[in-house]
Protein backbone atom coordinates (compact mmCIF):
# COMPACT_ATOMS: atom_id res chain seq x y z
CA MET A 1 67.96 64.87 72.93
CA SER A 2 65.45 64.32 75.70
CA LEU A 3 62.00 65.68 74.95
CA VAL A 4 61.05 67.23 78.29
CA SER A 5 58.09 69.40 77.22
CA THR A 6 54.63 68.58 75.88
CA ASN A 7 53.90 72.16 74.84
CA VAL A 8 52.48 72.55 71.36
CA GLU A 9 50.88 76.00 71.54
CA LEU A 10 51.28 78.90 73.98
CA ALA A 11 49.68 82.35 74.13
CA TYR A 12 51.36 85.66 74.99
CA ALA A 13 49.57 88.94 75.66
CA ASN A 14 50.72 92.56 75.35
CA VAL A 15 53.63 91.80 73.04
CA VAL A 16 56.02 94.63 72.14
CA ALA A 17 57.96 95.11 68.93
CA ALA A 18 61.63 94.08 69.08
CA THR A 19 61.17 92.42 72.49
CA PRO A 20 62.14 88.72 72.33
CA ILE A 21 59.88 86.07 73.86
CA VAL A 22 61.37 82.75 74.94
CA VAL A 23 58.76 80.10 74.16
CA PRO A 24 59.27 76.66 75.77
CA ILE A 25 58.14 74.69 72.74
CA PRO A 26 60.68 72.21 71.34
CA ALA A 27 61.37 72.60 67.62
CA PHE A 28 64.05 71.52 65.16
CA ALA A 29 63.29 73.95 62.30
CA LYS A 30 61.97 77.48 61.94
CA SER A 31 59.41 76.24 59.42
CA GLU A 32 57.77 74.23 62.20
CA ILE A 33 56.75 77.42 64.06
CA VAL A 34 53.59 79.39 63.22
CA VAL A 35 52.38 82.56 64.95
CA TYR A 36 48.76 83.69 65.04
CA TYR A 37 47.53 87.05 66.39
CA GLY A 38 44.34 88.66 67.67
CA ASP A 39 40.99 87.17 68.57
CA ASN A 40 40.50 85.89 65.02
CA ARG A 41 43.84 84.07 65.08
CA ASP A 42 45.06 85.59 61.84
CA VAL A 43 48.30 84.11 60.55
CA ALA A 44 51.39 86.28 60.93
CA VAL A 45 54.14 86.17 58.31
CA GLN A 46 57.47 84.81 59.47
CA ALA A 47 60.46 87.09 58.80
CA THR A 48 58.01 89.95 58.08
CA ASP A 49 55.93 90.09 61.25
CA TYR A 50 58.28 88.14 63.55
CA THR A 51 61.57 86.27 63.63
CA VAL A 52 62.36 82.81 65.01
CA ASN A 53 65.56 81.64 66.64
CA LEU A 54 66.11 77.99 67.59
CA ASP A 55 67.84 76.52 70.60
CA VAL A 56 70.72 75.17 68.53
CA PRO A 57 74.18 74.08 69.68
CA ASP A 58 77.02 76.49 69.05
CA PRO A 59 79.13 74.91 66.27
CA LEU A 60 82.22 76.71 67.54
CA ASN A 61 81.63 75.54 71.07
CA PRO A 62 80.06 72.05 70.85
CA PRO A 63 78.09 70.93 73.90
CA PRO A 64 79.15 67.95 75.99
CA PRO A 65 77.58 64.59 75.15
CA ASN A 66 73.86 64.17 76.05
CA THR A 67 73.38 67.93 76.33
CA THR A 68 69.77 68.87 75.60
CA ASN A 69 69.09 71.34 72.78
CA TYR A 70 66.10 72.41 70.67
CA GLN A 71 63.95 72.70 73.79
CA PHE A 72 62.66 76.22 73.09
CA VAL A 73 62.33 78.88 70.42
CA THR A 74 62.73 82.65 70.67
CA ILE A 75 60.07 84.74 68.97
CA THR A 76 60.71 88.44 68.33
CA PRO A 77 57.64 90.43 67.23
CA LEU A 78 58.32 93.12 64.63
CA ALA A 79 56.67 96.49 64.08
CA SER A 80 54.49 95.16 61.23
CA LEU A 81 52.90 92.63 63.58
CA ILE A 82 52.08 95.32 66.15
CA ALA A 83 50.55 97.42 63.35
CA LYS A 84 48.41 94.49 62.23
CA ILE A 85 47.16 93.95 65.78
CA GLY A 86 46.30 97.66 65.94
CA ALA A 87 43.39 98.42 68.26
CA GLY A 88 42.49 94.74 68.51
CA THR A 89 43.37 92.33 71.29
CA ASN A 90 47.15 92.30 71.77
CA VAL A 91 47.75 88.57 71.94
CA ILE A 92 49.76 86.11 69.89
CA TYR A 93 49.65 82.31 69.75
CA VAL A 94 52.89 80.46 69.06
CA ARG A 95 52.29 76.97 67.68
CA ARG A 96 54.46 74.12 66.48
CA THR A 97 53.29 72.12 63.47
CA LEU A 98 55.44 69.31 62.11
CA PRO A 99 54.92 67.72 58.69
CA LEU A 100 53.84 64.07 58.79
CA THR A 101 56.98 62.98 56.97
CA THR A 102 60.26 61.40 57.96
CA ASP A 103 63.70 62.98 57.78
CA PHE A 104 65.39 59.70 56.94
CA ALA A 105 66.71 58.84 53.48
CA ALA A 106 67.89 55.48 52.16
CA THR A 107 71.46 56.74 51.92
CA ASP A 108 71.59 58.29 55.39
CA ALA A 109 74.03 57.08 57.99
CA PHE A 110 71.95 55.98 60.96
CA THR A 111 74.01 57.74 63.56
CA ARG A 112 72.96 57.97 67.17
CA ASP A 113 72.11 61.69 66.85
CA LYS A 114 70.08 61.10 63.69
CA VAL A 115 68.02 58.34 65.25
CA ASP A 116 67.57 60.33 68.48
CA VAL A 117 66.25 63.37 66.62
CA GLU A 118 63.90 61.30 64.49
CA PHE A 119 62.42 59.60 67.54
CA ALA A 120 61.91 63.02 69.13
CA ARG A 121 60.22 64.30 65.97
CA MET A 122 57.88 61.30 65.96
CA LEU A 123 56.86 62.04 69.54
CA MET A 124 56.38 65.72 68.66
CA ARG A 125 53.98 64.70 65.87
CA VAL A 126 52.01 62.66 68.39
CA GLN A 127 51.87 65.70 70.69
CA ASP A 128 50.69 67.91 67.80
CA LEU A 129 47.92 65.47 66.87
CA GLN A 130 46.87 65.03 70.49
CA GLN A 131 46.58 68.78 70.91
CA GLN A 132 44.42 68.99 67.78
CA ILE A 133 42.18 66.22 69.14
CA ASN A 134 41.87 67.96 72.50
CA THR A 135 41.00 71.35 71.05
CA GLY A 136 38.68 69.76 68.51
CA LEU A 137 36.64 67.83 71.08
CA VAL A 138 36.55 70.46 73.85
CA PRO A 139 34.47 73.47 72.74
CA ASN A 140 35.95 76.90 73.11
CA PRO A 141 33.70 78.97 75.46
CA ALA A 142 34.07 81.99 73.20
CA ASP A 143 32.94 79.92 70.21
CA MET A 144 30.02 78.53 72.21
CA ASN A 145 28.94 82.04 73.23
CA ALA A 146 29.20 83.21 69.63
CA GLU A 147 27.13 80.24 68.46
CA LEU A 148 24.49 80.87 71.13
CA SER A 149 24.37 84.55 70.17
CA ALA A 150 23.96 83.62 66.52
CA THR A 151 21.15 81.20 67.41
CA ALA A 152 19.40 83.85 69.52
CA ALA A 153 19.78 86.39 66.71
CA ALA A 154 18.27 83.92 64.23
CA ALA A 155 15.35 83.26 66.58
CA SER A 156 14.78 87.01 67.01
CA ALA A 157 14.87 87.48 63.24
CA ALA A 158 12.33 84.67 62.77
CA GLN A 159 10.07 86.22 65.42
CA ALA A 160 10.38 89.64 63.78
CA LEU A 161 9.48 88.11 60.40
CA ALA A 162 6.44 86.36 61.92
CA SER A 163 5.35 89.67 63.51
CA ALA A 164 5.79 91.45 60.19
CA ASN A 165 3.71 88.79 58.42
CA ALA A 166 1.00 89.07 61.08
CA ALA A 167 0.99 92.86 60.73
CA SER A 168 0.73 92.53 56.95
CA ALA A 169 -2.21 90.11 57.32
CA SER A 170 -3.89 92.55 59.73
CA GLN A 171 -3.42 95.34 57.21
CA VAL A 172 -4.99 93.20 54.48
CA THR A 173 -7.92 92.36 56.78
CA ALA A 174 -8.34 96.02 57.72
CA ALA A 175 -8.27 96.99 54.06
CA GLY A 176 -10.95 94.38 53.34
CA ASN A 177 -13.07 95.64 56.19
CA ALA A 178 -12.68 99.22 54.99
CA SER A 179 -13.67 98.18 51.47
CA ALA A 180 -16.75 96.34 52.80
CA ALA A 181 -17.67 99.39 54.88
CA ALA A 182 -17.30 101.63 51.85
CA THR A 183 -19.53 99.30 49.83
CA SER A 184 -22.13 99.32 52.62
CA ALA A 185 -22.00 103.11 52.75
CA THR A 186 -22.49 103.26 48.97
CA ASP A 187 -25.44 100.88 49.16
CA ALA A 188 -26.96 102.95 51.97
CA SER A 189 -26.48 106.10 49.94
CA ASN A 190 -28.11 104.48 46.92
CA SER A 191 -31.02 103.31 49.10
CA ALA A 192 -31.46 106.82 50.50
CA THR A 193 -31.43 108.28 47.00
CA ALA A 194 -34.04 105.76 45.85
CA ALA A 195 -36.19 106.51 48.88
CA GLN A 196 -35.90 110.22 48.20
CA THR A 197 -36.87 109.68 44.56
CA SER A 198 -39.88 107.61 45.62
CA ALA A 199 -40.90 110.29 48.09
CA VAL A 200 -40.68 112.97 45.40
CA ALA A 201 -42.73 110.84 43.03
CA ALA A 202 -45.36 110.18 45.72
CA ALA A 203 -45.54 113.89 46.51
CA ALA A 204 -45.93 114.71 42.83
CA SER A 205 -48.67 112.13 42.46
CA ALA A 206 -50.47 113.47 45.54
CA ALA A 207 -50.18 117.01 44.22
CA ALA A 208 -51.60 115.96 40.86
CA GLU A 209 -54.52 114.20 42.47
CA LEU A 210 -55.20 117.26 44.62
CA MET A 211 -55.14 119.54 41.59
CA GLN A 212 -57.58 117.27 39.79
CA ARG A 213 -60.02 117.36 42.70
CA LEU A 214 -59.74 121.13 42.94
CA ALA A 215 -60.47 121.40 39.25
CA CYS A 216 -63.60 119.27 39.57
CA SER A 217 -64.85 121.31 42.51
CA THR A 218 -64.38 124.55 40.59
CA VAL A 219 -66.40 123.31 37.63
CA THR A 220 -69.27 122.20 39.87
CA ALA A 221 -69.34 125.52 41.66
CA LEU A 222 -69.51 127.49 38.43
CA ALA A 223 -72.37 125.41 37.08
CA GLY A 224 -74.57 126.34 40.07
CA PRO A 225 -77.33 124.27 41.68
CA SER A 226 -79.39 122.06 39.41
CA ILE A 227 -83.13 123.20 38.85
CA ARG A 228 -85.70 120.49 38.75
CA PRO A 229 -88.98 121.16 36.81
CA PRO A 230 -92.23 121.24 38.88
CA GLU A 231 -94.33 118.16 38.88
């Protein structure tokens, strides 16, 4: 066969159950075809979520020499696949993945068709690997946006944590200030009490002294004036 396509993976949107999709990806076996669905690229199950038909020659009506076959596959989504997609993005990705092994055996007859197919399979493997290199080195914009969003979210979380720590420190400082103010108020109250006690004591002392003087004056008044004998 002539390998006329370099397609390894193709996407199809708005797929419908039981509606076949002709996918121009060369393949020699159904096991080489994988279907992913949705934005998360979940793996669909072959024969359960979709069927695969190959571009094979009709054994009852053999093609003329050099006729090209195996140039496309036909994918038919099934109802289970549509149910899995659900309310998500209706998109599927059809991909070819060949094993890195040869189909030759020591006892095989190296016919022209056998050699031709094996050369085509080798080139398909190169295409598969090249596609993996391309998609691995070129960032997906959606992935980049998701990474940037995650970085921004992490920065916001760090800023929120710093703000929370600052608020907690402020609360501790405020509590310390309140405690110091309460201590000062207590000291002031104690000082006022002491001052009041001193004032009461001073008043009592003054009252006692006044009473003593009054008592002395009363005694002197009762005794009358002193009489001195004549000379």
